[in-house]
Amino acid sequence: MRIYAIGWRAHAALGAGGVEARVLAALAASTYIDVAGDVLWIGGTEAPAHARAIHVAVGVDGVAAGDVLRVPRADALEPWRPAPGPTSSVAATALRRGATRLVPRMASLGGPRGFGAWLLGAPLEFPLEAAGARADALATACTADDPARAVGAARALVGLGPGLTPAGDDLTGGAFFARALLARAGIIDAPAWGEAAAAVRTAATRLTHPIGVALLGDLLAGEGWAPLHELATALAQEDDGAALHAAARLTSLGHSSGWDLLAGFIIGARG
């Protein structure tokens, strides 16, 4: 295994030397591993950057959950870190306006999947067909700037849907990611939304898969995949073309994960 790029969390977990990792899940395009309690994932060089990502040219084959995998050192590489996002109230306000402008342009991204359909007013498909009211509740809480209500709405969404990162996790994570950025910029109540994020993180440990807990936890703290950060930066800079490009990259994640993240981000940013 040769590592070509790495996220900062993965870099810290590997340390100065190689480590032994326990395989959590082996998928077609990625392998999730546990390194001393840290959830990381190994993917191809074309996969979007993430703090927990280890990018390799040749995928990991022939492993299954529970196997032990040797991961080489990567201390010579400069780890990827996300841009900080909007740092002023002016930039954060621009992000809010940009999120609203982006919605009608999302039709150019192709047929929406997951909660992307809900955001664009299309019917939700199985197994989310009855989840519209739950998504509405989270959107309403963000619009009302009500972190306590957002916690209740999130508890009804986390764990909803199939896979290691259910659609409800991604919708919730996208919304709280946006709230975290707005909080850092000082235009919403940072302590209150921080407490809300902590409450959702605690609830997630009993509601979703351990891999989902780790990835959702990052989003709750305002950290996620590179296209999500690029989207936030483009909107804050009022660069609608770059924002649409970032949104297109985001929606390519997973079967519907990218669309779910995008829908969550929009409702979190607009409120």
C-alpha atoms as a PDB file:
ATOM      1  CA  MET A   1       0.000   0.000   0.000  1.00  0.00           C
ATOM      2  CA  ARG A   2       1.394   3.391  -1.012  1.00  0.00           C
ATOM      3  CA  ILE A   3      -0.222   6.524   0.381  1.00  0.00           C
ATOM      4  CA  TYR A   4      -0.414   9.492  -2.011  1.00  0.00           C
ATOM      5  CA  ALA A   5      -2.479  11.929   0.071  1.00  0.00           C
ATOM      6  CA  ILE A   6      -3.931  11.997   3.554  1.00  0.00           C
ATOM      7  CA  GLY A   7      -6.257  14.026   5.748  1.00  0.00           C
ATOM      8  CA  TRP A   8      -5.075  15.587   8.968  1.00  0.00           C
ATOM      9  CA  ARG A   9      -6.965  13.248  11.316  1.00  0.00           C
ATOM     10  CA  ALA A  10      -5.650  10.196   9.496  1.00  0.00           C
ATOM     11  CA  HIS A  11      -2.134  11.661   9.498  1.00  0.00           C
ATOM     12  CA  ALA A  12      -2.264  12.171  13.265  1.00  0.00           C
ATOM     13  CA  ALA A  13      -3.622   8.661  13.847  1.00  0.00           C
ATOM     14  CA  LEU A  14      -0.845   7.002  11.842  1.00  0.00           C
ATOM     15  CA  GLY A  15       1.863   8.942  13.650  1.00  0.00           C
ATOM     16  CA  ALA A  16       5.528   8.691  12.699  1.00  0.00           C
ATOM     17  CA  GLY A  17       5.379   4.993  11.832  1.00  0.00           C
ATOM     18  CA  GLY A  18       3.023   2.470  10.311  1.00  0.00           C
ATOM     19  CA  VAL A  19       0.184   1.018  12.360  1.00  0.00           C
ATOM     20  CA  GLU A  20      -2.052  -2.005  12.470  1.00  0.00           C
ATOM     21  CA  ALA A  21      -5.690  -1.255  11.772  1.00  0.00           C
ATOM     22  CA  ARG A  22      -8.852  -3.279  12.219  1.00  0.00           C
ATOM     23  CA  VAL A  23     -11.135  -3.376   9.199  1.00  0.00           C
ATOM     24  CA  LEU A  24     -14.622  -2.081  10.002  1.00  0.00           C
ATOM     25  CA  ALA A  25     -16.135  -2.400   6.533  1.00  0.00           C
ATOM     26  CA  ALA A  26     -14.801  -3.261   3.085  1.00  0.00           C
ATOM     27  CA  LEU A  27     -16.751  -1.635   0.255  1.00  0.00           C
ATOM     28  CA  ALA A  28     -16.168  -1.497  -3.481  1.00  0.00           C
ATOM     29  CA  ALA A  29     -14.545   1.946  -3.476  1.00  0.00           C
ATOM     30  CA  SER A  30     -13.366   2.322   0.110  1.00  0.00           C
ATOM     31  CA  THR A  31     -12.269   0.433   3.191  1.00  0.00           C
ATOM     32  CA  TYR A  32     -13.137   1.747   6.638  1.00  0.00           C
ATOM     33  CA  ILE A  33     -10.637   1.005   9.384  1.00  0.00           C
ATOM     34  CA  ASP A  34     -10.204   1.557  13.102  1.00  0.00           C
ATOM     35  CA  VAL A  35      -6.831   2.822  14.330  1.00  0.00           C
ATOM     36  CA  ALA A  36      -6.720   3.017  18.122  1.00  0.00           C
ATOM     37  CA  GLY A  37     -10.345   4.142  18.250  1.00  0.00           C
ATOM     38  CA  ASP A  38     -10.160   6.546  15.293  1.00  0.00           C
ATOM     39  CA  VAL A  39     -12.361   5.731  12.297  1.00  0.00           C
ATOM     40  CA  LEU A  40     -10.468   6.319   9.033  1.00  0.00           C
ATOM     41  CA  TRP A  41     -11.096   5.295   5.450  1.00  0.00           C
ATOM     42  CA  ILE A  42      -8.872   4.217   2.593  1.00  0.00           C
ATOM     43  CA  GLY A  43      -9.942   5.305  -0.879  1.00  0.00           C
ATOM     44  CA  GLY A  44      -8.615   6.035  -4.341  1.00  0.00           C
ATOM     45  CA  THR A  45      -6.612   9.048  -5.421  1.00  0.00           C
ATOM     46  CA  GLU A  46      -9.707  10.499  -7.126  1.00  0.00           C
ATOM     47  CA  ALA A  47     -11.802  10.460  -3.947  1.00  0.00           C
ATOM     48  CA  PRO A  48     -12.521  13.883  -2.419  1.00  0.00           C
ATOM     49  CA  ALA A  49     -10.293  14.973   0.433  1.00  0.00           C
ATOM     50  CA  HIS A  50     -11.483  14.465   3.996  1.00  0.00           C
ATOM     51  CA  ALA A  51      -9.757  14.698   7.363  1.00  0.00           C
ATOM     52  CA  ARG A  52     -10.140  10.936   7.869  1.00  0.00           C
ATOM     53  CA  ALA A  53      -9.132   9.900   4.337  1.00  0.00           C
ATOM     54  CA  ILE A  54      -6.082   7.910   3.253  1.00  0.00           C
ATOM     55  CA  HIS A  55      -5.683   8.068  -0.534  1.00  0.00           C
ATOM     56  CA  VAL A  56      -3.944   5.189  -2.316  1.00  0.00           C
ATOM     57  CA  ALA A  57      -3.416   4.364  -5.991  1.00  0.00           C
ATOM     58  CA  VAL A  58      -4.324   0.694  -5.627  1.00  0.00           C
ATOM     59  CA  GLY A  59      -7.350  -0.225  -3.527  1.00  0.00           C
ATOM     60  CA  VAL A  60      -7.366  -2.681  -0.662  1.00  0.00           C
ATOM     61  CA  ASP A  61      -8.576  -6.077  -1.848  1.00  0.00           C
ATOM     62  CA  GLY A  62      -9.312  -9.348  -0.126  1.00  0.00           C
ATOM     63  CA  VAL A  63     -10.150  -7.992   3.315  1.00  0.00           C
ATOM     64  CA  ALA A  64     -13.311  -8.248   5.388  1.00  0.00           C
ATOM     65  CA  ALA A  65     -14.655  -6.729   8.581  1.00  0.00           C
ATOM     66  CA  GLY A  66     -12.568  -7.859  11.535  1.00  0.00           C
ATOM     67  CA  ASP A  67      -9.353  -8.388   9.569  1.00  0.00           C
ATOM     68  CA  VAL A  68      -6.137  -6.671  10.622  1.00  0.00           C
ATOM     69  CA  LEU A  69      -4.477  -4.468   8.019  1.00  0.00           C
ATOM     70  CA  ARG A  70      -1.012  -2.918   8.080  1.00  0.00           C
ATOM     71  CA  VAL A  71      -1.054   0.778   7.125  1.00  0.00           C
ATOM     72  CA  PRO A  72       2.317   2.365   6.277  1.00  0.00           C
ATOM     73  CA  ARG A  73       3.683   5.619   7.591  1.00  0.00           C
ATOM     74  CA  ALA A  74       2.739   8.885   5.923  1.00  0.00           C
ATOM     75  CA  ASP A  75       4.691  11.410   7.971  1.00  0.00           C
ATOM     76  CA  ALA A  76       6.484  12.752   4.865  1.00  0.00           C
ATOM     77  CA  LEU A  77       3.175  13.955   3.406  1.00  0.00           C
ATOM     78  CA  GLU A  78       1.579  17.318   4.131  1.00  0.00           C
ATOM     79  CA  PRO A  79      -1.907  16.468   5.419  1.00  0.00           C
ATOM     80  CA  TRP A  80      -5.005  18.058   3.932  1.00  0.00           C
ATOM     81  CA  ARG A  81      -6.887  20.489   6.141  1.00  0.00           C
ATOM     82  CA  PRO A  82     -10.087  22.276   5.184  1.00  0.00           C
ATOM     83  CA  ALA A  83     -10.246  26.012   4.684  1.00  0.00           C
ATOM     84  CA  PRO A  84     -11.677  27.804   7.730  1.00  0.00           C
ATOM     85  CA  GLY A  85     -14.798  29.046   5.963  1.00  0.00           C
ATOM     86  CA  PRO A  86     -16.297  32.531   6.347  1.00  0.00           C
ATOM     87  CA  THR A  87     -14.607  34.462   9.140  1.00  0.00           C
ATOM     88  CA  SER A  88     -16.664  37.654   9.106  1.00  0.00           C
ATOM     89  CA  SER A  89     -20.314  38.523   9.395  1.00  0.00           C
ATOM     90  CA  VAL A  90     -20.191  39.990   5.893  1.00  0.00           C
ATOM     91  CA  ALA A  91     -18.912  36.718   4.399  1.00  0.00           C
ATOM     92  CA  ALA A  92     -21.364  34.635   6.429  1.00  0.00           C
ATOM     93  CA  THR A  93     -24.267  36.792   5.281  1.00  0.00           C
ATOM     94  CA  ALA A  94     -23.086  36.360   1.694  1.00  0.00           C
ATOM     95  CA  LEU A  95     -23.045  32.587   2.258  1.00  0.00           C
ATOM     96  CA  ARG A  96     -26.668  32.737   3.400  1.00  0.00           C
ATOM     97  CA  ARG A  97     -27.749  34.699   0.337  1.00  0.00           C
ATOM     98  CA  GLY A  98     -25.761  32.434  -1.942  1.00  0.00           C
ATOM     99  CA  ALA A  99     -27.372  29.299  -0.526  1.00  0.00           C
ATOM    100  CA  THR A 100     -30.779  30.693  -1.439  1.00  0.00           C
ATOM    101  CA  ARG A 101     -29.620  31.580  -4.966  1.00  0.00           C
ATOM    102  CA  LEU A 102     -28.151  28.114  -5.474  1.00  0.00           C
ATOM    103  CA  VAL A 103     -31.395  26.166  -5.048  1.00  0.00           C
ATOM    104  CA  PRO A 104     -33.056  26.986  -8.404  1.00  0.00           C
ATOM    105  CA  ARG A 105     -29.756  26.265 -10.190  1.00  0.00           C
ATOM    106  CA  MET A 106     -29.533  22.771  -8.696  1.00  0.00           C
ATOM    107  CA  ALA A 107     -31.744  21.416 -11.477  1.00  0.00           C
ATOM    108  CA  SER A 108     -28.633  21.463 -13.677  1.00  0.00           C
ATOM    109  CA  LEU A 109     -26.995  18.871 -11.405  1.00  0.00           C
ATOM    110  CA  GLY A 110     -29.204  16.058 -12.692  1.00  0.00           C
ATOM    111  CA  GLY A 111     -31.966  14.090 -11.027  1.00  0.00           C
ATOM    112  CA  PRO A 112     -31.900  14.681  -7.262  1.00  0.00           C
ATOM    113  CA  ARG A 113     -31.504  11.698  -4.961  1.00  0.00           C
ATOM    114  CA  GLY A 114     -32.305  11.188  -1.300  1.00  0.00           C
ATOM    115  CA  PHE A 115     -33.269  14.379   0.507  1.00  0.00           C
ATOM    116  CA  GLY A 116     -32.190  16.364  -2.534  1.00  0.00           C
ATOM    117  CA  ALA A 117     -35.576  15.470  -3.994  1.00  0.00           C
ATOM    118  CA  TRP A 118     -37.320  16.840  -0.899  1.00  0.00           C
ATOM    119  CA  LEU A 119     -35.388  20.109  -1.131  1.00  0.00           C
ATOM    120  CA  LEU A 120     -36.431  20.576  -4.765  1.00  0.00           C
ATOM    121  CA  GLY A 121     -40.056  19.667  -4.127  1.00  0.00           C
ATOM    122  CA  ALA A 122     -39.995  16.196  -5.688  1.00  0.00           C
ATOM    123  CA  PRO A 123     -41.409  13.101  -3.959  1.00  0.00           C
ATOM    124  CA  LEU A 124     -39.069  11.222  -1.653  1.00  0.00           C
ATOM    125  CA  GLU A 125     -38.370   7.639  -2.675  1.00  0.00           C
ATOM    126  CA  PHE A 126     -38.173   4.453  -0.605  1.00  0.00           C
ATOM    127  CA  PRO A 127     -37.161   4.196   2.195  1.00  0.00           C
ATOM    128  CA  LEU A 128     -37.536   7.936   2.833  1.00  0.00           C
ATOM    129  CA  GLU A 129     -41.038   8.459   1.450  1.00  0.00           C
ATOM    130  CA  ALA A 130     -42.480   9.259   4.904  1.00  0.00           C
ATOM    131  CA  ALA A 131     -39.515  11.359   6.084  1.00  0.00           C
ATOM    132  CA  GLY A 132     -40.521  14.695   4.606  1.00  0.00           C
ATOM    133  CA  ALA A 133     -42.056  15.957   7.844  1.00  0.00           C
ATOM    134  CA  ARG A 134     -38.841  15.154   9.725  1.00  0.00           C
ATOM    135  CA  ALA A 135     -36.805  17.127   7.214  1.00  0.00           C
ATOM    136  CA  ASP A 136     -39.338  19.962   7.434  1.00  0.00           C
ATOM    137  CA  ALA A 137     -38.869  20.046  11.207  1.00  0.00           C
ATOM    138  CA  LEU A 138     -35.104  20.451  10.905  1.00  0.00           C
ATOM    139  CA  ALA A 139     -35.465  23.149   8.259  1.00  0.00           C
ATOM    140  CA  THR A 140     -37.981  25.016  10.424  1.00  0.00           C
ATOM    141  CA  ALA A 141     -35.673  24.854  13.437  1.00  0.00           C
ATOM    142  CA  CYS A 142     -32.796  26.304  11.433  1.00  0.00           C
ATOM    143  CA  THR A 143     -34.971  29.046   9.946  1.00  0.00           C
ATOM    144  CA  ALA A 144     -36.183  29.941  13.446  1.00  0.00           C
ATOM    145  CA  ASP A 145     -32.595  29.801  14.766  1.00  0.00           C
ATOM    146  CA  ASP A 146     -33.830  27.401  17.452  1.00  0.00           C
ATOM    147  CA  PRO A 147     -31.045  24.973  18.431  1.00  0.00           C
ATOM    148  CA  ALA A 148     -33.199  23.087  20.943  1.00  0.00           C
ATOM    149  CA  ARG A 149     -35.803  22.298  18.280  1.00  0.00           C
ATOM    150  CA  ALA A 150     -33.011  21.342  15.906  1.00  0.00           C
ATOM    151  CA  VAL A 151     -31.831  18.709  18.392  1.00  0.00           C
ATOM    152  CA  GLY A 152     -35.294  17.163  18.519  1.00  0.00           C
ATOM    153  CA  ALA A 153     -35.551  17.161  14.739  1.00  0.00           C
ATOM    154  CA  ALA A 154     -32.087  15.642  14.397  1.00  0.00           C
ATOM    155  CA  ARG A 155     -32.900  12.820  16.800  1.00  0.00           C
ATOM    156  CA  ALA A 156     -35.768  11.841  14.518  1.00  0.00           C
ATOM    157  CA  LEU A 157     -33.466  11.802  11.476  1.00  0.00           C
ATOM    158  CA  VAL A 158     -30.178  10.258  12.623  1.00  0.00           C
ATOM    159  CA  GLY A 159     -30.021   6.595  11.656  1.00  0.00           C
ATOM    160  CA  LEU A 160     -32.802   6.979   9.076  1.00  0.00           C
ATOM    161  CA  GLY A 161     -31.981   5.164   5.854  1.00  0.00           C
ATOM    162  CA  PRO A 162     -29.726   2.306   4.770  1.00  0.00           C
ATOM    163  CA  GLY A 163     -25.938   2.075   4.713  1.00  0.00           C
ATOM    164  CA  LEU A 164     -23.052   3.083   6.936  1.00  0.00           C
ATOM    165  CA  THR A 165     -23.909   6.777   6.610  1.00  0.00           C
ATOM    166  CA  PRO A 166     -27.726   6.909   6.470  1.00  0.00           C
ATOM    167  CA  ALA A 167     -29.474   9.710   4.620  1.00  0.00           C
ATOM    168  CA  GLY A 168     -30.785  11.148   7.872  1.00  0.00           C
ATOM    169  CA  ASP A 169     -27.230  11.399   9.218  1.00  0.00           C
ATOM    170  CA  ASP A 170     -26.076  13.281   6.133  1.00  0.00           C
ATOM    171  CA  LEU A 171     -29.040  15.678   6.106  1.00  0.00           C
ATOM    172  CA  THR A 172     -28.501  16.431   9.784  1.00  0.00           C
ATOM    173  CA  GLY A 173     -24.746  16.705   9.351  1.00  0.00           C
ATOM    174  CA  GLY A 174     -25.040  19.087   6.430  1.00  0.00           C
ATOM    175  CA  ALA A 175     -27.381  21.373   8.366  1.00  0.00           C
ATOM    176  CA  PHE A 176     -25.233  21.445  11.491  1.00  0.00           C
ATOM    177  CA  PHE A 177     -22.091  21.913   9.376  1.00  0.00           C
ATOM    178  CA  ALA A 178     -23.612  25.120   8.018  1.00  0.00           C
ATOM    179  CA  ARG A 179     -24.706  26.244  11.489  1.00  0.00           C
ATOM    180  CA  ALA A 180     -21.169  25.666  12.784  1.00  0.00           C
ATOM    181  CA  LEU A 181     -19.746  27.924  10.070  1.00  0.00           C
ATOM    182  CA  LEU A 182     -22.289  30.655  10.798  1.00  0.00           C
ATOM    183  CA  ALA A 183     -21.547  30.347  14.514  1.00  0.00           C
ATOM    184  CA  ARG A 184     -17.802  30.752  13.951  1.00  0.00           C
ATOM    185  CA  ALA A 185     -18.500  33.899  11.964  1.00  0.00           C
ATOM    186  CA  GLY A 186     -20.497  35.265  14.890  1.00  0.00           C
ATOM    187  CA  ILE A 187     -23.898  35.708  13.275  1.00  0.00           C
ATOM    188  CA  ILE A 188     -25.717  33.047  15.328  1.00  0.00           C
ATOM    189  CA  ASP A 189     -25.415  31.952  18.975  1.00  0.00           C
ATOM    190  CA  ALA A 190     -22.251  29.824  18.984  1.00  0.00           C
ATOM    191  CA  PRO A 191     -22.579  28.415  22.540  1.00  0.00           C
ATOM    192  CA  ALA A 192     -26.219  27.400  22.029  1.00  0.00           C
ATOM    193  CA  TRP A 193     -25.556  25.709  18.700  1.00  0.00           C
ATOM    194  CA  GLY A 194     -22.432  24.099  20.128  1.00  0.00           C
ATOM    195  CA  GLU A 195     -24.517  22.572  22.919  1.00  0.00           C
ATOM    196  CA  ALA A 196     -27.047  21.395  20.348  1.00  0.00           C
ATOM    197  CA  ALA A 197     -24.306  19.740  18.298  1.00  0.00           C
ATOM    198  CA  ALA A 198     -22.987  17.993  21.413  1.00  0.00           C
ATOM    199  CA  ALA A 199     -26.476  16.686  22.210  1.00  0.00           C
ATOM    200  CA  VAL A 200     -26.879  15.301  18.685  1.00  0.00           C
ATOM    201  CA  ARG A 201     -23.439  13.693  18.876  1.00  0.00           C
ATOM    202  CA  THR A 202     -24.397  11.943  22.112  1.00  0.00           C
ATOM    203  CA  ALA A 203     -27.692  10.727  20.653  1.00  0.00           C
ATOM    204  CA  ALA A 204     -25.949   9.459  17.518  1.00  0.00           C
ATOM    205  CA  THR A 205     -23.983   6.860  19.483  1.00  0.00           C
ATOM    206  CA  ARG A 206     -27.221   4.916  20.008  1.00  0.00           C
ATOM    207  CA  LEU A 207     -28.967   5.823  16.770  1.00  0.00           C
ATOM    208  CA  THR A 208     -26.503   5.103  13.978  1.00  0.00           C
ATOM    209  CA  HIS A 209     -23.521   3.017  12.887  1.00  0.00           C
ATOM    210  CA  PRO A 210     -20.109   3.744  14.526  1.00  0.00           C
ATOM    211  CA  ILE A 211     -18.776   4.909  11.159  1.00  0.00           C
ATOM    212  CA  GLY A 212     -21.741   7.237  10.876  1.00  0.00           C
ATOM    213  CA  VAL A 213     -21.086   8.523  14.396  1.00  0.00           C
ATOM    214  CA  ALA A 214     -17.537   9.538  13.447  1.00  0.00           C
ATOM    215  CA  LEU A 215     -18.452  11.224  10.160  1.00  0.00           C
ATOM    216  CA  LEU A 216     -21.502  12.944  11.637  1.00  0.00           C
ATOM    217  CA  GLY A 217     -19.384  14.115  14.562  1.00  0.00           C
ATOM    218  CA  ASP A 218     -17.027  15.858  12.153  1.00  0.00           C
ATOM    219  CA  LEU A 219     -19.904  17.602  10.397  1.00  0.00           C
ATOM    220  CA  LEU A 220     -21.385  18.724  13.706  1.00  0.00           C
ATOM    221  CA  ALA A 221     -18.051  20.440  14.393  1.00  0.00           C
ATOM    222  CA  GLY A 222     -18.017  22.140  10.989  1.00  0.00           C
ATOM    223  CA  GLU A 223     -15.727  19.750   9.146  1.00  0.00           C
ATOM    224  CA  GLY A 224     -16.468  17.463   6.218  1.00  0.00           C
ATOM    225  CA  TRP A 225     -15.582  16.558   2.647  1.00  0.00           C
ATOM    226  CA  ALA A 226     -13.576  18.995   0.526  1.00  0.00           C
ATOM    227  CA  PRO A 227     -16.461  19.841  -1.870  1.00  0.00           C
ATOM    228  CA  LEU A 228     -18.609  20.897   1.089  1.00  0.00           C
ATOM    229  CA  HIS A 229     -15.932  23.328   2.268  1.00  0.00           C
ATOM    230  CA  GLU A 230     -15.390  24.530  -1.299  1.00  0.00           C
ATOM    231  CA  LEU A 231     -19.116  25.179  -1.609  1.00  0.00           C
ATOM    232  CA  ALA A 232     -19.173  27.243   1.575  1.00  0.00           C
ATOM    233  CA  THR A 233     -16.137  29.254   0.484  1.00  0.00           C
ATOM    234  CA  ALA A 234     -17.554  29.937  -2.974  1.00  0.00           C
ATOM    235  CA  LEU A 235     -20.885  31.104  -1.577  1.00  0.00           C
ATOM    236  CA  ALA A 236     -19.169  33.342   0.976  1.00  0.00           C
ATOM    237  CA  GLN A 237     -17.143  34.890  -1.868  1.00  0.00           C
ATOM    238  CA  GLU A 238     -20.292  35.286  -3.999  1.00  0.00           C
ATOM    239  CA  ASP A 239     -18.786  33.120  -6.732  1.00  0.00           C
ATOM    240  CA  ASP A 240     -21.895  31.358  -8.024  1.00  0.00           C
ATOM    241  CA  GLY A 241     -20.050  29.473 -10.762  1.00  0.00           C
ATOM    242  CA  ALA A 242     -17.570  27.947  -8.326  1.00  0.00           C
ATOM    243  CA  ALA A 243     -20.428  27.173  -5.945  1.00  0.00           C
ATOM    244  CA  LEU A 244     -22.319  25.229  -8.596  1.00  0.00           C
ATOM    245  CA  HIS A 245     -19.148  23.330  -9.516  1.00  0.00           C
ATOM    246  CA  ALA A 246     -18.567  22.427  -5.857  1.00  0.00           C
ATOM    247  CA  ALA A 247     -22.192  21.340  -5.523  1.00  0.00           C
ATOM    248  CA  ALA A 248     -21.775  19.066  -8.551  1.00  0.00           C
ATOM    249  CA  ARG A 249     -18.716  17.451  -6.979  1.00  0.00           C
ATOM    250  CA  LEU A 250     -20.571  17.067  -3.710  1.00  0.00           C
ATOM    251  CA  THR A 251     -23.566  15.332  -5.270  1.00  0.00           C
ATOM    252  CA  SER A 252     -21.267  12.701  -6.786  1.00  0.00           C
ATOM    253  CA  LEU A 253     -20.581  11.283  -3.312  1.00  0.00           C
ATOM    254  CA  GLY A 254     -22.140   7.870  -2.741  1.00  0.00           C
ATOM    255  CA  HIS A 255     -25.589   6.898  -3.953  1.00  0.00           C
ATOM    256  CA  SER A 256     -27.350   9.832  -2.300  1.00  0.00           C
ATOM    257  CA  SER A 257     -24.945  11.001   0.434  1.00  0.00           C
ATOM    258  CA  GLY A 258     -23.816  14.060  -1.491  1.00  0.00           C
ATOM    259  CA  TRP A 259     -27.373  15.129  -2.232  1.00  0.00           C
ATOM    260  CA  ASP A 260     -28.353  14.592   1.408  1.00  0.00           C
ATOM    261  CA  LEU A 261     -25.387  16.678   2.569  1.00  0.00           C
ATOM    262  CA  LEU A 262     -26.219  19.412   0.073  1.00  0.00           C
ATOM    263  CA  ALA A 263     -29.873  19.530   1.136  1.00  0.00           C
ATOM    264  CA  GLY A 264     -28.841  19.745   4.782  1.00  0.00           C
ATOM    265  CA  PHE A 265     -26.273  22.436   4.074  1.00  0.00           C
ATOM    266  CA  ILE A 266     -28.825  24.567   2.248  1.00  0.00           C
ATOM    267  CA  ILE A 267     -31.402  24.445   5.047  1.00  0.00           C
ATOM    268  CA  GLY A 268     -28.726  25.112   7.661  1.00  0.00           C
ATOM    269  CA  ALA A 269     -27.203  28.010   5.747  1.00  0.00           C
ATOM    270  CA  ARG A 270     -30.427  29.771   4.789  1.00  0.00           C
ATOM    271  CA  GLY A 271     -31.789  29.953   8.325  1.00  0.00           C
END
